[in-house]
């Protein structure tokens, strides 16, 4: 499970990489707070 936090190191490039890994069923994804705007496709929002 990949958890997306709000730090500046979370870039659009990193989010795309995670999105592809999720599409290929390598991981599930939890978006925290504002990261839902970068990863609206995530499995979970907390």
ModelCIF file with pLDDT and N, C-alpha, C, O atoms, coordinates in Angstrom:
data_MODEL
#
_entry.id   MODEL 
#
_entity.id                         1 
_entity.type                       polymer 
_entity.pdbx_number_of_molecules   1 
#
_entity_poly.entity_id                      1 
_entity_poly.type                           'polypeptide(L)' 
_entity_poly.nstd_linkage                   no 
_entity_poly.nstd_monomer                   no 
_entity_poly.pdbx_seq_one_letter_code       
;(UNK)(UNK)(UNK)(UNK)(UNK)(UNK)(UNK)(UNK)(UNK)(UNK)(UNK)(UNK)(UNK)(UNK)(UNK)(UNK)
(UNK)(UNK)(UNK)(UNK)(UNK)(UNK)(UNK)(UNK)(UNK)(UNK)(UNK)(UNK)(UNK)(UNK)(UNK)(UNK)
(UNK)(UNK)(UNK)(UNK)(UNK)(UNK)(UNK)(UNK)(UNK)(UNK)(UNK)(UNK)(UNK)(UNK)
;
_entity_poly.pdbx_seq_one_letter_code_can   XXXXXXXXXXXXXXXXXXXXXXXXXXXXXXXXXXXXXXXXXXXXXX 
_entity_poly.pdbx_strand_id                 A 
#
loop_
_entity_poly_seq.entity_id 
_entity_poly_seq.num 
_entity_poly_seq.mon_id 
_entity_poly_seq.hetero 
1 1  UNK n 
1 2  UNK n 
1 3  UNK n 
1 4  UNK n 
1 5  UNK n 
1 6  UNK n 
1 7  UNK n 
1 8  UNK n 
1 9  UNK n 
1 10 UNK n 
1 11 UNK n 
1 12 UNK n 
1 13 UNK n 
1 14 UNK n 
1 15 UNK n 
1 16 UNK n 
1 17 UNK n 
1 18 UNK n 
1 19 UNK n 
1 20 UNK n 
1 21 UNK n 
1 22 UNK n 
1 23 UNK n 
1 24 UNK n 
1 25 UNK n 
1 26 UNK n 
1 27 UNK n 
1 28 UNK n 
1 29 UNK n 
1 30 UNK n 
1 31 UNK n 
1 32 UNK n 
1 33 UNK n 
1 34 UNK n 
1 35 UNK n 
1 36 UNK n 
1 37 UNK n 
1 38 UNK n 
1 39 UNK n 
1 40 UNK n 
1 41 UNK n 
1 42 UNK n 
1 43 UNK n 
1 44 UNK n 
1 45 UNK n 
1 46 UNK n 
#
_struct_asym.id          A 
_struct_asym.entity_id   1 
#
loop_
_ma_qa_metric.id 
_ma_qa_metric.mode 
_ma_qa_metric.name 
_ma_qa_metric.software_group_id 
_ma_qa_metric.type 
1 global pLDDT . pLDDT 
2 local  pLDDT . pLDDT 
#
_ma_qa_metric_global.metric_id      1 
_ma_qa_metric_global.metric_value   95.13 
_ma_qa_metric_global.model_id       1 
_ma_qa_metric_global.ordinal_id     1 
#
loop_
_ma_qa_metric_local.label_asym_id 
_ma_qa_metric_local.label_comp_id 
_ma_qa_metric_local.label_seq_id 
_ma_qa_metric_local.metric_id 
_ma_qa_metric_local.metric_value 
_ma_qa_metric_local.model_id 
_ma_qa_metric_local.ordinal_id 
A UNK 1  2 98.00 1 1  
A UNK 2  2 98.00 1 2  
A UNK 3  2 98.00 1 3  
A UNK 4  2 97.00 1 4  
A UNK 5  2 93.00 1 5  
A UNK 6  2 88.00 1 6  
A UNK 7  2 88.00 1 7  
A UNK 8  2 86.00 1 8  
A UNK 9  2 86.00 1 9  
A UNK 10 2 91.00 1 10 
A UNK 11 2 91.00 1 11 
A UNK 12 2 91.00 1 12 
A UNK 13 2 92.00 1 13 
A UNK 14 2 94.00 1 14 
A UNK 15 2 95.00 1 15 
A UNK 16 2 95.00 1 16 
A UNK 17 2 95.00 1 17 
A UNK 18 2 97.00 1 18 
A UNK 19 2 97.00 1 19 
A UNK 20 2 96.00 1 20 
A UNK 21 2 97.00 1 21 
A UNK 22 2 97.00 1 22 
A UNK 23 2 96.00 1 23 
A UNK 24 2 95.00 1 24 
A UNK 25 2 96.00 1 25 
A UNK 26 2 96.00 1 26 
A UNK 27 2 98.00 1 27 
A UNK 28 2 98.00 1 28 
A UNK 29 2 98.00 1 29 
A UNK 30 2 98.00 1 30 
A UNK 31 2 98.00 1 31 
A UNK 32 2 96.00 1 32 
A UNK 33 2 94.00 1 33 
A UNK 34 2 93.00 1 34 
A UNK 35 2 95.00 1 35 
A UNK 36 2 96.00 1 36 
A UNK 37 2 95.00 1 37 
A UNK 38 2 95.00 1 38 
A UNK 39 2 96.00 1 39 
A UNK 40 2 96.00 1 40 
A UNK 41 2 98.00 1 41 
A UNK 42 2 98.00 1 42 
A UNK 43 2 98.00 1 43 
A UNK 44 2 98.00 1 44 
A UNK 45 2 98.00 1 45 
A UNK 46 2 97.00 1 46 
#
loop_
_atom_site.group_PDB 
_atom_site.id 
_atom_site.type_symbol 
_atom_site.label_atom_id 
_atom_site.label_alt_id 
_atom_site.label_comp_id 
_atom_site.label_asym_id 
_atom_site.label_entity_id 
_atom_site.label_seq_id 
_atom_site.pdbx_PDB_ins_code 
_atom_site.Cartn_x 
_atom_site.Cartn_y 
_atom_site.Cartn_z 
_atom_site.occupancy 
_atom_site.B_iso_or_equiv 
_atom_site.pdbx_formal_charge 
_atom_site.auth_seq_id 
_atom_site.auth_comp_id 
_atom_site.auth_asym_id 
_atom_site.auth_atom_id 
_atom_site.pdbx_PDB_model_num 
ATOM 1   N N  . UNK A 1 1  ? 0.852   -1.189 0.000   1.00 98.00 ? 1  UNK A N  1 
ATOM 2   C CA . UNK A 1 1  ? 0.000   0.000  0.000   1.00 98.00 ? 1  UNK A CA 1 
ATOM 3   C C  . UNK A 1 1  ? 0.888   1.239  0.000   1.00 98.00 ? 1  UNK A C  1 
ATOM 4   O O  . UNK A 1 1  ? 1.779   1.368  0.839   1.00 98.00 ? 1  UNK A O  1 
ATOM 5   N N  . UNK A 1 2  ? 0.647   2.141  -0.933  1.00 98.00 ? 2  UNK A N  1 
ATOM 6   C CA . UNK A 1 2  ? 1.371   3.405  -1.007  1.00 98.00 ? 2  UNK A CA 1 
ATOM 7   C C  . UNK A 1 2  ? 0.505   4.494  -0.390  1.00 98.00 ? 2  UNK A C  1 
ATOM 8   O O  . UNK A 1 2  ? -0.671  4.629  -0.729  1.00 98.00 ? 2  UNK A O  1 
ATOM 9   N N  . UNK A 1 3  ? 1.091   5.271  0.519   1.00 98.00 ? 3  UNK A N  1 
ATOM 10  C CA . UNK A 1 3  ? 0.374   6.374  1.153   1.00 98.00 ? 3  UNK A CA 1 
ATOM 11  C C  . UNK A 1 3  ? 0.974   7.690  0.676   1.00 98.00 ? 3  UNK A C  1 
ATOM 12  O O  . UNK A 1 3  ? 2.184   7.900  0.759   1.00 98.00 ? 3  UNK A O  1 
ATOM 13  N N  . UNK A 1 4  ? 0.114   8.573  0.175   1.00 97.00 ? 4  UNK A N  1 
ATOM 14  C CA . UNK A 1 4  ? 0.545   9.847  -0.386  1.00 97.00 ? 4  UNK A CA 1 
ATOM 15  C C  . UNK A 1 4  ? 0.389   10.954 0.643   1.00 97.00 ? 4  UNK A C  1 
ATOM 16  O O  . UNK A 1 4  ? -0.725  11.268 1.061   1.00 97.00 ? 4  UNK A O  1 
ATOM 17  N N  . UNK A 1 5  ? 1.520   11.552 1.055   1.00 93.00 ? 5  UNK A N  1 
ATOM 18  C CA . UNK A 1 5  ? 1.522   12.653 2.008   1.00 93.00 ? 5  UNK A CA 1 
ATOM 19  C C  . UNK A 1 5  ? 1.683   13.989 1.317   1.00 93.00 ? 5  UNK A C  1 
ATOM 20  O O  . UNK A 1 5  ? 1.864   14.062 0.101   1.00 93.00 ? 5  UNK A O  1 
ATOM 21  N N  . UNK A 1 6  ? 1.614   15.043 2.110   1.00 88.00 ? 6  UNK A N  1 
ATOM 22  C CA . UNK A 1 6  ? 1.576   16.391 1.546   1.00 88.00 ? 6  UNK A CA 1 
ATOM 23  C C  . UNK A 1 6  ? 2.905   17.084 1.369   1.00 88.00 ? 6  UNK A C  1 
ATOM 24  O O  . UNK A 1 6  ? 2.933   18.273 1.052   1.00 88.00 ? 6  UNK A O  1 
ATOM 25  N N  . UNK A 1 7  ? 4.017   16.378 1.564   1.00 88.00 ? 7  UNK A N  1 
ATOM 26  C CA . UNK A 1 7  ? 5.324   17.010 1.436   1.00 88.00 ? 7  UNK A CA 1 
ATOM 27  C C  . UNK A 1 7  ? 5.649   17.431 0.009   1.00 88.00 ? 7  UNK A C  1 
ATOM 28  O O  . UNK A 1 7  ? 5.090   16.908 -0.955  1.00 88.00 ? 7  UNK A O  1 
ATOM 29  N N  . UNK A 1 8  ? 6.561   18.385 -0.102  1.00 86.00 ? 8  UNK A N  1 
ATOM 30  C CA . UNK A 1 8  ? 6.922   18.929 -1.416  1.00 86.00 ? 8  UNK A CA 1 
ATOM 31  C C  . UNK A 1 8  ? 7.563   17.905 -2.338  1.00 86.00 ? 8  UNK A C  1 
ATOM 32  O O  . UNK A 1 8  ? 7.612   18.115 -3.550  1.00 86.00 ? 8  UNK A O  1 
ATOM 33  N N  . UNK A 1 9  ? 8.056   16.800 -1.788  1.00 86.00 ? 9  UNK A N  1 
ATOM 34  C CA . UNK A 1 9  ? 8.675   15.777 -2.635  1.00 86.00 ? 9  UNK A CA 1 
ATOM 35  C C  . UNK A 1 9  ? 7.651   14.980 -3.436  1.00 86.00 ? 9  UNK A C  1 
ATOM 36  O O  . UNK A 1 9  ? 8.021   14.220 -4.331  1.00 86.00 ? 9  UNK A O  1 
ATOM 37  N N  . UNK A 1 10 ? 6.372   15.146 -3.124  1.00 91.00 ? 10 UNK A N  1 
ATOM 38  C CA . UNK A 1 10 ? 5.332   14.466 -3.912  1.00 91.00 ? 10 UNK A CA 1 
ATOM 39  C C  . UNK A 1 10 ? 5.081   15.272 -5.177  1.00 91.00 ? 10 UNK A C  1 
ATOM 40  O O  . UNK A 1 10 ? 4.349   16.262 -5.160  1.00 91.00 ? 10 UNK A O  1 
ATOM 41  N N  . UNK A 1 11 ? 5.687   14.846 -6.256  1.00 91.00 ? 11 UNK A N  1 
ATOM 42  C CA . UNK A 1 11 ? 5.571   15.558 -7.523  1.00 91.00 ? 11 UNK A CA 1 
ATOM 43  C C  . UNK A 1 11 ? 4.588   14.848 -8.449  1.00 91.00 ? 11 UNK A C  1 
ATOM 44  O O  . UNK A 1 11 ? 4.209   13.701 -8.215  1.00 91.00 ? 11 UNK A O  1 
ATOM 45  N N  . UNK A 1 12 ? 4.188   15.549 -9.497  1.00 91.00 ? 12 UNK A N  1 
ATOM 46  C CA . UNK A 1 12 ? 3.275   14.960 -10.480 1.00 91.00 ? 12 UNK A CA 1 
ATOM 47  C C  . UNK A 1 12 ? 3.903   13.729 -11.128 1.00 91.00 ? 12 UNK A C  1 
ATOM 48  O O  . UNK A 1 12 ? 3.201   12.765 -11.434 1.00 91.00 ? 12 UNK A O  1 
ATOM 49  N N  . UNK A 1 13 ? 5.211   13.754 -11.338 1.00 92.00 ? 13 UNK A N  1 
ATOM 50  C CA . UNK A 1 13 ? 5.903   12.615 -11.942 1.00 92.00 ? 13 UNK A CA 1 
ATOM 51  C C  . UNK A 1 13 ? 5.803   11.385 -11.038 1.00 92.00 ? 13 UNK A C  1 
ATOM 52  O O  . UNK A 1 13 ? 5.543   10.281 -11.515 1.00 92.00 ? 13 UNK A O  1 
ATOM 53  N N  . UNK A 1 14 ? 6.008   11.577 -9.746  1.00 94.00 ? 14 UNK A N  1 
ATOM 54  C CA . UNK A 1 14 ? 5.922   10.471 -8.797  1.00 94.00 ? 14 UNK A CA 1 
ATOM 55  C C  . UNK A 1 14 ? 4.499   9.920  -8.758  1.00 94.00 ? 14 UNK A C  1 
ATOM 56  O O  . UNK A 1 14 ? 4.298   8.707  -8.720  1.00 94.00 ? 14 UNK A O  1 
ATOM 57  N N  . UNK A 1 15 ? 3.521   10.813 -8.769  1.00 95.00 ? 15 UNK A N  1 
ATOM 58  C CA . UNK A 1 15 ? 2.121   10.387 -8.731  1.00 95.00 ? 15 UNK A CA 1 
ATOM 59  C C  . UNK A 1 15 ? 1.779   9.564  -9.973  1.00 95.00 ? 15 UNK A C  1 
ATOM 60  O O  . UNK A 1 15 ? 1.071   8.562  -9.876  1.00 95.00 ? 15 UNK A O  1 
ATOM 61  N N  . UNK A 1 16 ? 2.274   9.977  -11.128 1.00 95.00 ? 16 UNK A N  1 
ATOM 62  C CA . UNK A 1 16 ? 2.037   9.209  -12.370 1.00 95.00 ? 16 UNK A CA 1 
ATOM 63  C C  . UNK A 1 16 ? 2.642   7.812  -12.257 1.00 95.00 ? 16 UNK A C  1 
ATOM 64  O O  . UNK A 1 16 ? 2.034   6.828  -12.678 1.00 95.00 ? 16 UNK A O  1 
ATOM 65  N N  . UNK A 1 17 ? 3.833   7.734  -11.692 1.00 95.00 ? 17 UNK A N  1 
ATOM 66  C CA . UNK A 1 17 ? 4.502   6.449  -11.525 1.00 95.00 ? 17 UNK A CA 1 
ATOM 67  C C  . UNK A 1 17 ? 3.662   5.522  -10.636 1.00 95.00 ? 17 UNK A C  1 
ATOM 68  O O  . UNK A 1 17 ? 3.518   4.335  -10.926 1.00 95.00 ? 17 UNK A O  1 
ATOM 69  N N  . UNK A 1 18 ? 3.120   6.071  -9.568  1.00 97.00 ? 18 UNK A N  1 
ATOM 70  C CA . UNK A 1 18 ? 2.293   5.280  -8.657  1.00 97.00 ? 18 UNK A CA 1 
ATOM 71  C C  . UNK A 1 18 ? 0.993   4.878  -9.332  1.00 97.00 ? 18 UNK A C  1 
ATOM 72  O O  . UNK A 1 18 ? 0.513   3.761  -9.140  1.00 97.00 ? 18 UNK A O  1 
ATOM 73  N N  . UNK A 1 19 ? 0.419   5.778  -10.122 1.00 97.00 ? 19 UNK A N  1 
ATOM 74  C CA . UNK A 1 19 ? -0.835  5.467  -10.834 1.00 97.00 ? 19 UNK A CA 1 
ATOM 75  C C  . UNK A 1 19 ? -0.646  4.285  -11.774 1.00 97.00 ? 19 UNK A C  1 
ATOM 76  O O  . UNK A 1 19 ? -1.513  3.416  -11.868 1.00 97.00 ? 19 UNK A O  1 
ATOM 77  N N  . UNK A 1 20 ? 0.482   4.253  -12.467 1.00 96.00 ? 20 UNK A N  1 
ATOM 78  C CA . UNK A 1 20 ? 0.761   3.152  -13.391 1.00 96.00 ? 20 UNK A CA 1 
ATOM 79  C C  . UNK A 1 20 ? 0.942   1.851  -12.621 1.00 96.00 ? 20 UNK A C  1 
ATOM 80  O O  . UNK A 1 20 ? 0.441   0.803  -13.031 1.00 96.00 ? 20 UNK A O  1 
ATOM 81  N N  . UNK A 1 21 ? 1.664   1.922  -11.499 1.00 97.00 ? 21 UNK A N  1 
ATOM 82  C CA . UNK A 1 21 ? 1.865   0.719  -10.683 1.00 97.00 ? 21 UNK A CA 1 
ATOM 83  C C  . UNK A 1 21 ? 0.529   0.197  -10.161 1.00 97.00 ? 21 UNK A C  1 
ATOM 84  O O  . UNK A 1 21 ? 0.321   -1.014 -10.095 1.00 97.00 ? 21 UNK A O  1 
ATOM 85  N N  . UNK A 1 22 ? -0.362  1.088  -9.797  1.00 97.00 ? 22 UNK A N  1 
ATOM 86  C CA . UNK A 1 22 ? -1.684  0.662  -9.325  1.00 97.00 ? 22 UNK A CA 1 
ATOM 87  C C  . UNK A 1 22 ? -2.466  0.013  -10.459 1.00 97.00 ? 22 UNK A C  1 
ATOM 88  O O  . UNK A 1 22 ? -3.122  -1.008 -10.254 1.00 97.00 ? 22 UNK A O  1 
ATOM 89  N N  . UNK A 1 23 ? -2.402  0.597  -11.656 1.00 96.00 ? 23 UNK A N  1 
ATOM 90  C CA . UNK A 1 23 ? -3.094  0.019  -12.804 1.00 96.00 ? 23 UNK A CA 1 
ATOM 91  C C  . UNK A 1 23 ? -2.600  -1.390 -13.095 1.00 96.00 ? 23 UNK A C  1 
ATOM 92  O O  . UNK A 1 23 ? -3.358  -2.246 -13.553 1.00 96.00 ? 23 UNK A O  1 
ATOM 93  N N  . UNK A 1 24 ? -1.327  -1.619 -12.826 1.00 95.00 ? 24 UNK A N  1 
ATOM 94  C CA . UNK A 1 24 ? -0.738  -2.942 -13.062 1.00 95.00 ? 24 UNK A CA 1 
ATOM 95  C C  . UNK A 1 24 ? -0.851  -3.850 -11.835 1.00 95.00 ? 24 UNK A C  1 
ATOM 96  O O  . UNK A 1 24 ? -0.230  -4.911 -11.768 1.00 95.00 ? 24 UNK A O  1 
ATOM 97  N N  . UNK A 1 25 ? -1.657  -3.408 -10.871 1.00 96.00 ? 25 UNK A N  1 
ATOM 98  C CA . UNK A 1 25 ? -1.988  -4.186 -9.669  1.00 96.00 ? 25 UNK A CA 1 
ATOM 99  C C  . UNK A 1 25 ? -0.764  -4.482 -8.813  1.00 96.00 ? 25 UNK A C  1 
ATOM 100 O O  . UNK A 1 25 ? -0.685  -5.536 -8.183  1.00 96.00 ? 25 UNK A O  1 
ATOM 101 N N  . UNK A 1 26 ? 0.185   -3.558 -8.788  1.00 96.00 ? 26 UNK A N  1 
ATOM 102 C CA . UNK A 1 26 ? 1.363   -3.710 -7.936  1.00 96.00 ? 26 UNK A CA 1 
ATOM 103 C C  . UNK A 1 26 ? 1.146   -3.111 -6.555  1.00 96.00 ? 26 UNK A C  1 
ATOM 104 O O  . UNK A 1 26 ? 1.900   -3.405 -5.627  1.00 96.00 ? 26 UNK A O  1 
ATOM 105 N N  . UNK A 1 27 ? 0.125   -2.275 -6.409  1.00 98.00 ? 27 UNK A N  1 
ATOM 106 C CA . UNK A 1 27 ? -0.102  -1.619 -5.130  1.00 98.00 ? 27 UNK A CA 1 
ATOM 107 C C  . UNK A 1 27 ? -1.524  -1.091 -5.044  1.00 98.00 ? 27 UNK A C  1 
ATOM 108 O O  . UNK A 1 27 ? -2.222  -0.968 -6.050  1.00 98.00 ? 27 UNK A O  1 
ATOM 109 N N  . UNK A 1 28 ? -1.935  -0.785 -3.828  1.00 98.00 ? 28 UNK A N  1 
ATOM 110 C CA . UNK A 1 28 ? -3.146  -0.013 -3.553  1.00 98.00 ? 28 UNK A CA 1 
ATOM 111 C C  . UNK A 1 28 ? -2.693  1.342  -3.014  1.00 98.00 ? 28 UNK A C  1 
ATOM 112 O O  . UNK A 1 28 ? -1.551  1.479  -2.575  1.00 98.00 ? 28 UNK A O  1 
ATOM 113 N N  . UNK A 1 29 ? -3.571  2.342  -3.043  1.00 98.00 ? 29 UNK A N  1 
ATOM 114 C CA . UNK A 1 29 ? -3.140  3.705  -2.736  1.00 98.00 ? 29 UNK A CA 1 
ATOM 115 C C  . UNK A 1 29 ? -4.112  4.399  -1.780  1.00 98.00 ? 29 UNK A C  1 
ATOM 116 O O  . UNK A 1 29 ? -5.329  4.363  -1.967  1.00 98.00 ? 29 UNK A O  1 
ATOM 117 N N  . UNK A 1 30 ? -3.541  5.031  -0.748  1.00 98.00 ? 30 UNK A N  1 
ATOM 118 C CA . UNK A 1 30 ? -4.309  5.880  0.160   1.00 98.00 ? 30 UNK A CA 1 
ATOM 119 C C  . UNK A 1 30 ? -3.848  7.320  -0.031  1.00 98.00 ? 30 UNK A C  1 
ATOM 120 O O  . UNK A 1 30 ? -2.662  7.621  0.103   1.00 98.00 ? 30 UNK A O  1 
ATOM 121 N N  . UNK A 1 31 ? -4.782  8.202  -0.343  1.00 98.00 ? 31 UNK A N  1 
ATOM 122 C CA . UNK A 1 31 ? -4.502  9.634  -0.451  1.00 98.00 ? 31 UNK A CA 1 
ATOM 123 C C  . UNK A 1 31 ? -4.822  10.303 0.883   1.00 98.00 ? 31 UNK A C  1 
ATOM 124 O O  . UNK A 1 31 ? -5.858  10.034 1.491   1.00 98.00 ? 31 UNK A O  1 
ATOM 125 N N  . UNK A 1 32 ? -3.925  11.172 1.328   1.00 96.00 ? 32 UNK A N  1 
ATOM 126 C CA . UNK A 1 32 ? -4.133  11.900 2.579   1.00 96.00 ? 32 UNK A CA 1 
ATOM 127 C C  . UNK A 1 32 ? -4.433  13.361 2.244   1.00 96.00 ? 32 UNK A C  1 
ATOM 128 O O  . UNK A 1 32 ? -3.640  14.041 1.592   1.00 96.00 ? 32 UNK A O  1 
ATOM 129 N N  . UNK A 1 33 ? -5.587  13.823 2.703   1.00 94.00 ? 33 UNK A N  1 
ATOM 130 C CA . UNK A 1 33 ? -5.984  15.226 2.541   1.00 94.00 ? 33 UNK A CA 1 
ATOM 131 C C  . UNK A 1 33 ? -5.851  15.699 1.086   1.00 94.00 ? 33 UNK A C  1 
ATOM 132 O O  . UNK A 1 33 ? -6.426  15.096 0.179   1.00 94.00 ? 33 UNK A O  1 
ATOM 133 N N  . UNK A 1 34 ? -5.084  16.789 0.868   1.00 93.00 ? 34 UNK A N  1 
ATOM 134 C CA . UNK A 1 34 ? -5.027  17.435 -0.453  1.00 93.00 ? 34 UNK A CA 1 
ATOM 135 C C  . UNK A 1 34 ? -4.468  16.546 -1.550  1.00 93.00 ? 34 UNK A C  1 
ATOM 136 O O  . UNK A 1 34 ? -4.644  16.855 -2.728  1.00 93.00 ? 34 UNK A O  1 
ATOM 137 N N  . UNK A 1 35 ? -3.805  15.459 -1.207  1.00 95.00 ? 35 UNK A N  1 
ATOM 138 C CA . UNK A 1 35 ? -3.257  14.602 -2.256  1.00 95.00 ? 35 UNK A CA 1 
ATOM 139 C C  . UNK A 1 35 ? -4.352  13.977 -3.114  1.00 95.00 ? 35 UNK A C  1 
ATOM 140 O O  . UNK A 1 35 ? -4.077  13.435 -4.185  1.00 95.00 ? 35 UNK A O  1 
ATOM 141 N N  . UNK A 1 36 ? -5.594  14.055 -2.639  1.00 96.00 ? 36 UNK A N  1 
ATOM 142 C CA . UNK A 1 36 ? -6.699  13.537 -3.450  1.00 96.00 ? 36 UNK A CA 1 
ATOM 143 C C  . UNK A 1 36 ? -6.831  14.315 -4.764  1.00 96.00 ? 36 UNK A C  1 
ATOM 144 O O  . UNK A 1 36 ? -7.352  13.788 -5.747  1.00 96.00 ? 36 UNK A O  1 
ATOM 145 N N  . UNK A 1 37 ? -6.362  15.562 -4.783  1.00 95.00 ? 37 UNK A N  1 
ATOM 146 C CA . UNK A 1 37 ? -6.428  16.352 -6.013  1.00 95.00 ? 37 UNK A CA 1 
ATOM 147 C C  . UNK A 1 37 ? -5.413  15.879 -7.050  1.00 95.00 ? 37 UNK A C  1 
ATOM 148 O O  . UNK A 1 37 ? -5.629  16.047 -8.250  1.00 95.00 ? 37 UNK A O  1 
ATOM 149 N N  . UNK A 1 38 ? -4.312  15.290 -6.599  1.00 95.00 ? 38 UNK A N  1 
ATOM 150 C CA . UNK A 1 38 ? -3.331  14.718 -7.524  1.00 95.00 ? 38 UNK A CA 1 
ATOM 151 C C  . UNK A 1 38 ? -3.670  13.274 -7.865  1.00 95.00 ? 38 UNK A C  1 
ATOM 152 O O  . UNK A 1 38 ? -3.329  12.780 -8.939  1.00 95.00 ? 38 UNK A O  1 
ATOM 153 N N  . UNK A 1 39 ? -4.348  12.604 -6.935  1.00 96.00 ? 39 UNK A N  1 
ATOM 154 C CA . UNK A 1 39 ? -4.635  11.173 -7.107  1.00 96.00 ? 39 UNK A CA 1 
ATOM 155 C C  . UNK A 1 39 ? -6.117  10.918 -6.838  1.00 96.00 ? 39 UNK A C  1 
ATOM 156 O O  . UNK A 1 39 ? -6.477  10.214 -5.894  1.00 96.00 ? 39 UNK A O  1 
ATOM 157 N N  . UNK A 1 40 ? -6.963  11.495 -7.674  1.00 96.00 ? 40 UNK A N  1 
ATOM 158 C CA . UNK A 1 40 ? -8.409  11.307 -7.537  1.00 96.00 ? 40 UNK A CA 1 
ATOM 159 C C  . UNK A 1 40 ? -8.803  9.851  -7.757  1.00 96.00 ? 40 UNK A C  1 
ATOM 160 O O  . UNK A 1 40 ? -9.904  9.439  -7.390  1.00 96.00 ? 40 UNK A O  1 
ATOM 161 N N  . UNK A 1 41 ? -7.893  9.063  -8.363  1.00 98.00 ? 41 UNK A N  1 
ATOM 162 C CA . UNK A 1 41 ? -8.119  7.659  -8.681  1.00 98.00 ? 41 UNK A CA 1 
ATOM 163 C C  . UNK A 1 41 ? -7.698  6.734  -7.534  1.00 98.00 ? 41 UNK A C  1 
ATOM 164 O O  . UNK A 1 41 ? -7.817  5.515  -7.656  1.00 98.00 ? 41 UNK A O  1 
ATOM 165 N N  . UNK A 1 42 ? -7.211  7.293  -6.433  1.00 98.00 ? 42 UNK A N  1 
ATOM 166 C CA . UNK A 1 42 ? -6.744  6.472  -5.316  1.00 98.00 ? 42 UNK A CA 1 
ATOM 167 C C  . UNK A 1 42 ? -7.865  5.568  -4.797  1.00 98.00 ? 42 UNK A C  1 
ATOM 168 O O  . UNK A 1 42 ? -9.041  5.796  -5.078  1.00 98.00 ? 42 UNK A O  1 
ATOM 169 N N  . UNK A 1 43 ? -7.488  4.561  -4.051  1.00 98.00 ? 43 UNK A N  1 
ATOM 170 C CA . UNK A 1 43 ? -8.475  3.617  -3.513  1.00 98.00 ? 43 UNK A CA 1 
ATOM 171 C C  . UNK A 1 43 ? -9.148  4.133  -2.256  1.00 98.00 ? 43 UNK A C  1 
ATOM 172 O O  . UNK A 1 43 ? -10.258 3.720  -1.921  1.00 98.00 ? 43 UNK A O  1 
ATOM 173 N N  . UNK A 1 44 ? -8.470  5.041  -1.559  1.00 98.00 ? 44 UNK A N  1 
ATOM 174 C CA . UNK A 1 44 ? -8.913  5.420  -0.213  1.00 98.00 ? 44 UNK A CA 1 
ATOM 175 C C  . UNK A 1 44 ? -8.491  6.867  0.035   1.00 98.00 ? 44 UNK A C  1 
ATOM 176 O O  . UNK A 1 44 ? -7.402  7.278  -0.365  1.00 98.00 ? 44 UNK A O  1 
ATOM 177 N N  . UNK A 1 45 ? -9.340  7.621  0.685   1.00 98.00 ? 45 UNK A N  1 
ATOM 178 C CA . UNK A 1 45 ? -9.022  8.978  1.131   1.00 98.00 ? 45 UNK A CA 1 
ATOM 179 C C  . UNK A 1 45 ? -9.188  9.020  2.644   1.00 98.00 ? 45 UNK A C  1 
ATOM 180 O O  . UNK A 1 45 ? -10.242 8.665  3.171   1.00 98.00 ? 45 UNK A O  1 
ATOM 181 N N  . UNK A 1 46 ? -8.137  9.456  3.341   1.00 97.00 ? 46 UNK A N  1 
ATOM 182 C CA . UNK A 1 46 ? -8.260  9.666  4.787   1.00 97.00 ? 46 UNK A CA 1 
ATOM 183 C C  . UNK A 1 46 ? -7.941  11.114 5.110   1.00 97.00 ? 46 UNK A C  1 
ATOM 184 O O  . UNK A 1 46 ? -7.984  11.511 6.275   1.00 97.00 ? 46 UNK A O  1 
#
